[in-house]
Structures are given as structure tokens and as C-alpha cells.
Amino acid sequence: MAGLVYQQENSANYLYTNQNWWSLSPDVLYYTGYVHVWYVNSVGWLTSFYVTDAHGVRPAVSIDYDIPVTGEGTEINPYIAVVD
């Protein structure tokens, strides 16, 4: 989660949006069938919760540092991984 510290406010991180949002990363699957997913709240607090509330989602993909990419990472010119 890009350097966010578990259960500490952090508004200086690029993942801070002043909004509540879910990542797509699961944290815990309980035997009862409930799932905890990583969640960042409006003050940058990283934690995990049961998936019961409606919040935005900010999916992310991690790739190796040596994968070549093109683009600038903007909406108009997004990064594109160059795969052989």
C-alpha cells in the first residue's frame, strides 16, 4: 500500500484522496464466509473492514521494476507495459 502505515493518519501519501475507498486486495477470509478487504478512509487511515459498505474502488497493479513501459501515466497518455 505504497508506504501507508496501518491505522495511522497519513495525508502526505499519493494514495490520500480525502475520500473513503476500497483497494482490491483482500486481507482476511473468515470461515463464516466474510471477507476483510484493505480500505483507506478520508484521513488516509489504512485498515481492513468487512465488505459491507459502499465506497469507491482504486485498483492498482504492481509490476516488476524492469518491465519497460511507454506513456506518461496520465489519463490521455497512460502507462502501457511493453510485453514481448
PDB file of N, CA and C in Angstrom:
ATOM      1  N   MET A   1       0.828  -1.198   0.000  1.00  0.00           N
ATOM      2  CA  MET A   1       0.000   0.000   0.000  1.00  0.00           C
ATOM      3  C   MET A   1       0.867   1.255   0.000  1.00  0.00           C
ATOM      4  N   ALA A   2       1.945   1.216  -0.707  1.00  0.00           N
ATOM      5  CA  ALA A   2       2.739   2.410  -1.004  1.00  0.00           C
ATOM      6  C   ALA A   2       3.198   3.184   0.215  1.00  0.00           C
ATOM      7  N   GLY A   3       3.527   2.492   1.271  1.00  0.00           N
ATOM      8  CA  GLY A   3       4.071   3.168   2.431  1.00  0.00           C
ATOM      9  C   GLY A   3       3.062   3.651   3.440  1.00  0.00           C
ATOM     10  N   LEU A   4       1.782   3.382   3.243  1.00  0.00           N
ATOM     11  CA  LEU A   4       0.809   3.736   4.283  1.00  0.00           C
ATOM     12  C   LEU A   4       1.063   2.872   5.510  1.00  0.00           C
ATOM     13  N   VAL A   5       0.940   3.460   6.683  1.00  0.00           N
ATOM     14  CA  VAL A   5       1.149   2.741   7.931  1.00  0.00           C
ATOM     15  C   VAL A   5      -0.208   2.322   8.476  1.00  0.00           C
ATOM     16  N   TYR A   6      -0.314   1.078   8.883  1.00  0.00           N
ATOM     17  CA  TYR A   6      -1.573   0.527   9.372  1.00  0.00           C
ATOM     18  C   TYR A   6      -2.132   1.375  10.517  1.00  0.00           C
ATOM     19  N   GLN A   7      -3.348   1.809  10.366  1.00  0.00           N
ATOM     20  CA  GLN A   7      -4.130   2.549  11.351  1.00  0.00           C
ATOM     21  C   GLN A   7      -3.439   3.808  11.866  1.00  0.00           C
ATOM     22  N   GLN A   8      -2.859   4.568  10.945  1.00  0.00           N
ATOM     23  CA  GLN A   8      -2.316   5.883  11.266  1.00  0.00           C
ATOM     24  C   GLN A   8      -2.720   6.856  10.168  1.00  0.00           C
ATOM     25  N   GLU A   9      -3.131   8.070  10.566  1.00  0.00           N
ATOM     26  CA  GLU A   9      -3.493   9.079   9.582  1.00  0.00           C
ATOM     27  C   GLU A   9      -2.283   9.419   8.721  1.00  0.00           C
ATOM     28  N   ASN A  10      -2.529   9.607   7.423  1.00  0.00           N
ATOM     29  CA  ASN A  10      -1.440   9.948   6.520  1.00  0.00           C
ATOM     30  C   ASN A  10      -2.019  10.687   5.319  1.00  0.00           C
ATOM     31  N   SER A  11      -1.933  12.001   5.330  1.00  0.00           N
ATOM     32  CA  SER A  11      -2.433  12.791   4.209  1.00  0.00           C
ATOM     33  C   SER A  11      -1.303  13.202   3.270  1.00  0.00           C
ATOM     34  N   ALA A  12      -0.084  12.753   3.531  1.00  0.00           N
ATOM     35  CA  ALA A  12       1.059  13.129   2.706  1.00  0.00           C
ATOM     36  C   ALA A  12       1.405  12.057   1.677  1.00  0.00           C
ATOM     37  N   ASN A  13       0.614  11.015   1.562  1.00  0.00           N
ATOM     38  CA  ASN A  13       0.872   9.917   0.648  1.00  0.00           C
ATOM     39  C   ASN A  13       0.077  10.131  -0.636  1.00  0.00           C
ATOM     40  N   TYR A  14       0.591   9.663  -1.757  1.00  0.00           N
ATOM     41  CA  TYR A  14      -0.127   9.865  -3.015  1.00  0.00           C
ATOM     42  C   TYR A  14      -1.453   9.104  -3.070  1.00  0.00           C
ATOM     43  N   LEU A  15      -1.660   8.149  -2.179  1.00  0.00           N
ATOM     44  CA  LEU A  15      -2.933   7.430  -2.137  1.00  0.00           C
ATOM     45  C   LEU A  15      -4.007   8.189  -1.362  1.00  0.00           C
ATOM     46  N   TYR A  16      -3.621   9.272  -0.703  1.00  0.00           N
ATOM     47  CA  TYR A  16      -4.584  10.085   0.051  1.00  0.00           C
ATOM     48  C   TYR A  16      -5.473  10.848  -0.925  1.00  0.00           C
ATOM     49  N   THR A  17      -6.791  10.724  -0.758  1.00  0.00           N
ATOM     50  CA  THR A  17      -7.736  11.402  -1.649  1.00  0.00           C
ATOM     51  C   THR A  17      -8.799  12.202  -0.905  1.00  0.00           C
ATOM     52  N   ASN A  18      -8.766  12.200   0.415  1.00  0.00           N
ATOM     53  CA  ASN A  18      -9.805  12.831   1.226  1.00  0.00           C
ATOM     54  C   ASN A  18     -11.159  12.146   1.010  1.00  0.00           C
ATOM     55  N   GLN A  19     -11.120  10.896   0.586  1.00  0.00           N
ATOM     56  CA  GLN A  19     -12.322  10.093   0.369  1.00  0.00           C
ATOM     57  C   GLN A  19     -12.089   8.694   0.930  1.00  0.00           C
ATOM     58  N   ASN A  20     -13.179   7.993   1.194  1.00  0.00           N
ATOM     59  CA  ASN A  20     -13.103   6.586   1.594  1.00  0.00           C
ATOM     60  C   ASN A  20     -13.058   5.724   0.340  1.00  0.00           C
ATOM     61  N   TRP A  21     -12.150   4.745   0.315  1.00  0.00           N
ATOM     62  CA  TRP A  21     -12.118   3.856  -0.855  1.00  0.00           C
ATOM     63  C   TRP A  21     -11.529   2.495  -0.505  1.00  0.00           C
ATOM     64  N   TRP A  22     -11.993   1.513  -1.258  1.00  0.00           N
ATOM     65  CA  TRP A  22     -11.518   0.133  -1.131  1.00  0.00           C
ATOM     66  C   TRP A  22     -10.377  -0.099  -2.099  1.00  0.00           C
ATOM     67  N   SER A  23      -9.412  -0.900  -1.680  1.00  0.00           N
ATOM     68  CA  SER A  23      -8.461  -1.437  -2.649  1.00  0.00           C
ATOM     69  C   SER A  23      -9.103  -2.728  -3.175  1.00  0.00           C
ATOM     70  N   LEU A  24      -8.453  -3.403  -4.042  1.00  0.00           N
ATOM     71  CA  LEU A  24      -8.966  -4.704  -4.485  1.00  0.00           C
ATOM     72  C   LEU A  24      -8.217  -5.840  -3.816  1.00  0.00           C
ATOM     73  N   SER A  25      -7.461  -5.505  -2.760  1.00  0.00           N
ATOM     74  CA  SER A  25      -6.638  -6.506  -2.086  1.00  0.00           C
ATOM     75  C   SER A  25      -7.336  -7.079  -0.868  1.00  0.00           C
ATOM     76  N   PRO A  26      -7.582  -8.376  -0.852  1.00  0.00           N
ATOM     77  CA  PRO A  26      -8.192  -8.990   0.328  1.00  0.00           C
ATOM     78  C   PRO A  26      -7.199  -9.024   1.487  1.00  0.00           C
ATOM     79  N   ASP A  27      -7.719  -9.008   2.695  1.00  0.00           N
ATOM     80  CA  ASP A  27      -6.893  -9.112   3.894  1.00  0.00           C
ATOM     81  C   ASP A  27      -7.145 -10.444   4.588  1.00  0.00           C
ATOM     82  N   VAL A  28      -8.409 -10.742   4.898  1.00  0.00           N
ATOM     83  CA  VAL A  28      -8.752 -11.949   5.653  1.00  0.00           C
ATOM     84  C   VAL A  28     -10.015 -12.571   5.071  1.00  0.00           C
ATOM     85  N   LEU A  29     -10.039 -13.890   4.948  1.00  0.00           N
ATOM     86  CA  LEU A  29     -11.248 -14.638   4.624  1.00  0.00           C
ATOM     87  C   LEU A  29     -11.586 -15.478   5.838  1.00  0.00           C
ATOM     88  N   TYR A  30     -12.716 -15.204   6.468  1.00  0.00           N
ATOM     89  CA  TYR A  30     -13.123 -15.926   7.660  1.00  0.00           C
ATOM     90  C   TYR A  30     -13.879 -17.190   7.294  1.00  0.00           C
ATOM     91  N   TYR A  31     -13.852 -18.166   8.168  1.00  0.00           N
ATOM     92  CA  TYR A  31     -14.539 -19.443   7.919  1.00  0.00           C
ATOM     93  C   TYR A  31     -16.042 -19.250   7.766  1.00  0.00           C
ATOM     94  N   THR A  32     -16.574 -18.133   8.254  1.00  0.00           N
ATOM     95  CA  THR A  32     -18.006 -17.838   8.128  1.00  0.00           C
ATOM     96  C   THR A  32     -18.364 -17.322   6.740  1.00  0.00           C
ATOM     97  N   GLY A  33     -17.342 -17.067   5.909  1.00  0.00           N
ATOM     98  CA  GLY A  33     -17.579 -16.567   4.563  1.00  0.00           C
ATOM     99  C   GLY A  33     -17.405 -15.063   4.438  1.00  0.00           C
ATOM    100  N   TYR A  34     -17.203 -14.370   5.561  1.00  0.00           N
ATOM    101  CA  TYR A  34     -16.978 -12.925   5.492  1.00  0.00           C
ATOM    102  C   TYR A  34     -15.554 -12.630   5.052  1.00  0.00           C
ATOM    103  N   VAL A  35     -15.391 -11.522   4.367  1.00  0.00           N
ATOM    104  CA  VAL A  35     -14.085 -11.126   3.854  1.00  0.00           C
ATOM    105  C   VAL A  35     -13.751  -9.722   4.348  1.00  0.00           C
ATOM    106  N   HIS A  36     -12.515  -9.521   4.763  1.00  0.00           N
ATOM    107  CA  HIS A  36     -11.981  -8.190   5.021  1.00  0.00           C
ATOM    108  C   HIS A  36     -11.153  -7.789   3.805  1.00  0.00           C
ATOM    109  N   VAL A  37     -11.330  -6.546   3.365  1.00  0.00           N
ATOM    110  CA  VAL A  37     -10.560  -6.007   2.250  1.00  0.00           C
ATOM    111  C   VAL A  37      -9.852  -4.752   2.741  1.00  0.00           C
ATOM    112  N   TRP A  38      -8.645  -4.491   2.218  1.00  0.00           N
ATOM    113  CA  TRP A  38      -7.916  -3.286   2.606  1.00  0.00           C
ATOM    114  C   TRP A  38      -8.689  -2.051   2.182  1.00  0.00           C
ATOM    115  N   TYR A  39      -8.659  -1.065   3.057  1.00  0.00           N
ATOM    116  CA  TYR A  39      -9.521   0.102   2.947  1.00  0.00           C
ATOM    117  C   TYR A  39      -8.730   1.320   3.398  1.00  0.00           C
ATOM    118  N   VAL A  40      -8.876   2.446   2.706  1.00  0.00           N
ATOM    119  CA  VAL A  40      -8.266   3.712   3.114  1.00  0.00           C
ATOM    120  C   VAL A  40      -9.397   4.703   3.329  1.00  0.00           C
ATOM    121  N   ASN A  41      -9.412   5.334   4.515  1.00  0.00           N
ATOM    122  CA  ASN A  41     -10.501   6.281   4.776  1.00  0.00           C
ATOM    123  C   ASN A  41     -10.081   7.707   4.429  1.00  0.00           C
ATOM    124  N   SER A  42     -10.955   8.654   4.707  1.00  0.00           N
ATOM    125  CA  SER A  42     -10.775  10.028   4.251  1.00  0.00           C
ATOM    126  C   SER A  42      -9.612  10.764   4.909  1.00  0.00           C
ATOM    127  N   VAL A  43      -9.016  10.219   5.950  1.00  0.00           N
ATOM    128  CA  VAL A  43      -7.829  10.845   6.550  1.00  0.00           C
ATOM    129  C   VAL A  43      -6.562  10.046   6.255  1.00  0.00           C
ATOM    130  N   GLY A  44      -6.657   9.076   5.332  1.00  0.00           N
ATOM    131  CA  GLY A  44      -5.502   8.287   4.935  1.00  0.00           C
ATOM    132  C   GLY A  44      -5.196   7.131   5.860  1.00  0.00           C
ATOM    133  N   TRP A  45      -6.170   6.715   6.644  1.00  0.00           N
ATOM    134  CA  TRP A  45      -6.015   5.633   7.618  1.00  0.00           C
ATOM    135  C   TRP A  45      -6.160   4.305   6.885  1.00  0.00           C
ATOM    136  N   LEU A  46      -5.106   3.481   6.838  1.00  0.00           N
ATOM    137  CA  LEU A  46      -5.143   2.164   6.204  1.00  0.00           C
ATOM    138  C   LEU A  46      -5.614   1.134   7.216  1.00  0.00           C
ATOM    139  N   THR A  47      -6.638   0.414   6.880  1.00  0.00           N
ATOM    140  CA  THR A  47      -7.131  -0.663   7.733  1.00  0.00           C
ATOM    141  C   THR A  47      -7.861  -1.659   6.851  1.00  0.00           C
ATOM    142  N   SER A  48      -8.527  -2.618   7.426  1.00  0.00           N
ATOM    143  CA  SER A  48      -9.356  -3.515   6.631  1.00  0.00           C
ATOM    144  C   SER A  48     -10.706  -3.671   7.320  1.00  0.00           C
ATOM    145  N   PHE A  49     -11.738  -3.856   6.531  1.00  0.00           N
ATOM    146  CA  PHE A  49     -13.096  -3.968   7.031  1.00  0.00           C
ATOM    147  C   PHE A  49     -13.832  -5.068   6.290  1.00  0.00           C
ATOM    148  N   TYR A  50     -14.944  -5.494   6.897  1.00  0.00           N
ATOM    149  CA  TYR A  50     -15.875  -6.353   6.172  1.00  0.00           C
ATOM    150  C   TYR A  50     -16.386  -5.597   4.956  1.00  0.00           C
ATOM    151  N   VAL A  51     -16.593  -6.273   3.882  1.00  0.00           N
ATOM    152  CA  VAL A  51     -17.076  -5.644   2.662  1.00  0.00           C
ATOM    153  C   VAL A  51     -18.592  -5.513   2.758  1.00  0.00           C
ATOM    154  N   THR A  52     -19.027  -4.467   3.462  1.00  0.00           N
ATOM    155  CA  THR A  52     -20.464  -4.243   3.644  1.00  0.00           C
ATOM    156  C   THR A  52     -20.886  -2.832   3.270  1.00  0.00           C
ATOM    157  N   ASP A  53     -19.953  -1.900   3.165  1.00  0.00           N
ATOM    158  CA  ASP A  53     -20.277  -0.509   2.861  1.00  0.00           C
ATOM    159  C   ASP A  53     -19.949  -0.184   1.412  1.00  0.00           C
ATOM    160  N   ALA A  54     -20.660   0.793   0.869  1.00  0.00           N
ATOM    161  CA  ALA A  54     -20.414   1.234  -0.495  1.00  0.00           C
ATOM    162  C   ALA A  54     -19.401   2.372  -0.478  1.00  0.00           C
ATOM    163  N   HIS A  55     -18.248   2.136  -1.071  1.00  0.00           N
ATOM    164  CA  HIS A  55     -17.205   3.151  -1.219  1.00  0.00           C
ATOM    165  C   HIS A  55     -16.610   2.995  -2.608  1.00  0.00           C
ATOM    166  N   GLY A  56     -15.837   3.984  -3.018  1.00  0.00           N
ATOM    167  CA  GLY A  56     -15.134   3.886  -4.282  1.00  0.00           C
ATOM    168  C   GLY A  56     -14.078   2.797  -4.236  1.00  0.00           C
ATOM    169  N   VAL A  57     -13.573   2.447  -5.407  1.00  0.00           N
ATOM    170  CA  VAL A  57     -12.526   1.436  -5.529  1.00  0.00           C
ATOM    171  C   VAL A  57     -11.388   2.054  -6.322  1.00  0.00           C
ATOM    172  N   ARG A  58     -10.166   1.829  -5.857  1.00  0.00           N
ATOM    173  CA  ARG A  58      -8.988   2.304  -6.582  1.00  0.00           C
ATOM    174  C   ARG A  58      -8.075   1.111  -6.828  1.00  0.00           C
ATOM    175  N   PRO A  59      -8.336   0.371  -7.882  1.00  0.00           N
ATOM    176  CA  PRO A  59      -7.500  -0.793  -8.154  1.00  0.00           C
ATOM    177  C   PRO A  59      -6.091  -0.373  -8.563  1.00  0.00           C
ATOM    178  N   ALA A  60      -5.143  -1.232  -8.303  1.00  0.00           N
ATOM    179  CA  ALA A  60      -3.756  -0.973  -8.675  1.00  0.00           C
ATOM    180  C   ALA A  60      -3.120  -2.283  -9.116  1.00  0.00           C
ATOM    181  N   VAL A  61      -2.127  -2.160  -9.959  1.00  0.00           N
ATOM    182  CA  VAL A  61      -1.390  -3.319 -10.436  1.00  0.00           C
ATOM    183  C   VAL A  61       0.079  -3.084 -10.132  1.00  0.00           C
ATOM    184  N   SER A  62       0.738  -4.079  -9.608  1.00  0.00           N
ATOM    185  CA  SER A  62       2.170  -3.997  -9.353  1.00  0.00           C
ATOM    186  C   SER A  62       2.909  -4.832 -10.381  1.00  0.00           C
ATOM    187  N   ILE A  63       3.929  -4.238 -10.969  1.00  0.00           N
ATOM    188  CA  ILE A  63       4.760  -4.971 -11.927  1.00  0.00           C
ATOM    189  C   ILE A  63       6.212  -4.834 -11.509  1.00  0.00           C
ATOM    190  N   ASP A  64       7.063  -5.725 -12.009  1.00  0.00           N
ATOM    191  CA  ASP A  64       8.490  -5.654 -11.722  1.00  0.00           C
ATOM    192  C   ASP A  64       9.072  -4.335 -12.229  1.00  0.00           C
ATOM    193  N   TYR A  65      10.089  -3.865 -11.539  1.00  0.00           N
ATOM    194  CA  TYR A  65      10.707  -2.590 -11.870  1.00  0.00           C
ATOM    195  C   TYR A  65      11.343  -2.585 -13.258  1.00  0.00           C
ATOM    196  N   ASP A  66      11.700  -3.750 -13.781  1.00  0.00           N
ATOM    197  CA  ASP A  66      12.419  -3.789 -15.048  1.00  0.00           C
ATOM    198  C   ASP A  66      11.516  -4.032 -16.263  1.00  0.00           C
ATOM    199  N   ILE A  67      10.203  -4.000 -16.073  1.00  0.00           N
ATOM    200  CA  ILE A  67       9.280  -4.129 -17.205  1.00  0.00           C
ATOM    201  C   ILE A  67       9.232  -2.786 -17.938  1.00  0.00           C
ATOM    202  N   PRO A  68       9.546  -2.757 -19.226  1.00  0.00           N
ATOM    203  CA  PRO A  68       9.512  -1.480 -19.942  1.00  0.00           C
ATOM    204  C   PRO A  68       8.075  -0.981 -20.121  1.00  0.00           C
ATOM    205  N   VAL A  69       7.904   0.327 -19.993  1.00  0.00           N
ATOM    206  CA  VAL A  69       6.594   0.946 -20.183  1.00  0.00           C
ATOM    207  C   VAL A  69       6.725   2.131 -21.114  1.00  0.00           C
ATOM    208  N   THR A  70       5.611   2.454 -21.766  1.00  0.00           N
ATOM    209  CA  THR A  70       5.526   3.680 -22.554  1.00  0.00           C
ATOM    210  C   THR A  70       4.466   4.556 -21.905  1.00  0.00           C
ATOM    211  N   GLY A  71       4.381   5.794 -22.322  1.00  0.00           N
ATOM    212  CA  GLY A  71       3.366   6.704 -21.801  1.00  0.00           C
ATOM    213  C   GLY A  71       3.862   7.529 -20.632  1.00  0.00           C
ATOM    214  N   GLU A  72       2.991   8.453 -20.192  1.00  0.00           N
ATOM    215  CA  GLU A  72       3.331   9.385 -19.120  1.00  0.00           C
ATOM    216  C   GLU A  72       2.542   9.135 -17.834  1.00  0.00           C
ATOM    217  N   GLY A  73       1.638   8.169 -17.858  1.00  0.00           N
ATOM    218  CA  GLY A  73       0.842   7.887 -16.667  1.00  0.00           C
ATOM    219  C   GLY A  73      -0.330   8.830 -16.480  1.00  0.00           C
ATOM    220  N   THR A  74      -0.718   9.519 -17.531  1.00  0.00           N
ATOM    221  CA  THR A  74      -1.864  10.434 -17.461  1.00  0.00           C
ATOM    222  C   THR A  74      -3.090   9.778 -18.079  1.00  0.00           C
ATOM    223  N   GLU A  75      -4.237  10.403 -17.906  1.00  0.00           N
ATOM    224  CA  GLU A  75      -5.469   9.874 -18.498  1.00  0.00           C
ATOM    225  C   GLU A  75      -5.378   9.848 -20.018  1.00  0.00           C
ATOM    226  N   ILE A  76      -4.764  10.862 -20.592  1.00  0.00           N
ATOM    227  CA  ILE A  76      -4.658  10.961 -22.044  1.00  0.00           C
ATOM    228  C   ILE A  76      -3.548  10.066 -22.587  1.00  0.00           C
ATOM    229  N   ASN A  77      -2.461   9.910 -21.830  1.00  0.00           N
ATOM    230  CA  ASN A  77      -1.311   9.120 -22.262  1.00  0.00           C
ATOM    231  C   ASN A  77      -0.926   8.149 -21.133  1.00  0.00           C
ATOM    232  N   PRO A  78      -1.727   7.103 -20.903  1.00  0.00           N
ATOM    233  CA  PRO A  78      -1.464   6.205 -19.768  1.00  0.00           C
ATOM    234  C   PRO A  78      -0.216   5.358 -19.986  1.00  0.00           C
ATOM    235  N   TYR A  79       0.306   4.827 -18.875  1.00  0.00           N
ATOM    236  CA  TYR A  79       1.394   3.862 -18.984  1.00  0.00           C
ATOM    237  C   TYR A  79       0.878   2.611 -19.674  1.00  0.00           C
ATOM    238  N   ILE A  80       1.699   2.046 -20.516  1.00  0.00           N
ATOM    239  CA  ILE A  80       1.377   0.774 -21.168  1.00  0.00           C
ATOM    240  C   ILE A  80       2.610  -0.113 -21.037  1.00  0.00           C
ATOM    241  N   ALA A  81       2.433  -1.283 -20.424  1.00  0.00           N
ATOM    242  CA  ALA A  81       3.532  -2.223 -20.281  1.00  0.00           C
ATOM    243  C   ALA A  81       3.849  -2.837 -21.628  1.00  0.00           C
ATOM    244  N   VAL A  82       5.124  -2.868 -21.968  1.00  0.00           N
ATOM    245  CA  VAL A  82       5.578  -3.439 -23.234  1.00  0.00           C
ATOM    246  C   VAL A  82       5.908  -4.898 -22.969  1.00  0.00           C
ATOM    247  N   VAL A  83       5.121  -5.792 -23.556  1.00  0.00           N
ATOM    248  CA  VAL A  83       5.304  -7.218 -23.344  1.00  0.00           C
ATOM    249  C   VAL A  83       5.648  -7.875 -24.666  1.00  0.00           C
ATOM    250  N   ASP A  84       6.679  -8.693 -24.637  1.00  0.00           N
ATOM    251  CA  ASP A  84       7.085  -9.401 -25.872  1.00  0.00           C
ATOM    252  C   ASP A  84       6.108 -10.475 -26.216  1.00  0.00           C
TER     253      ASP A  84
END
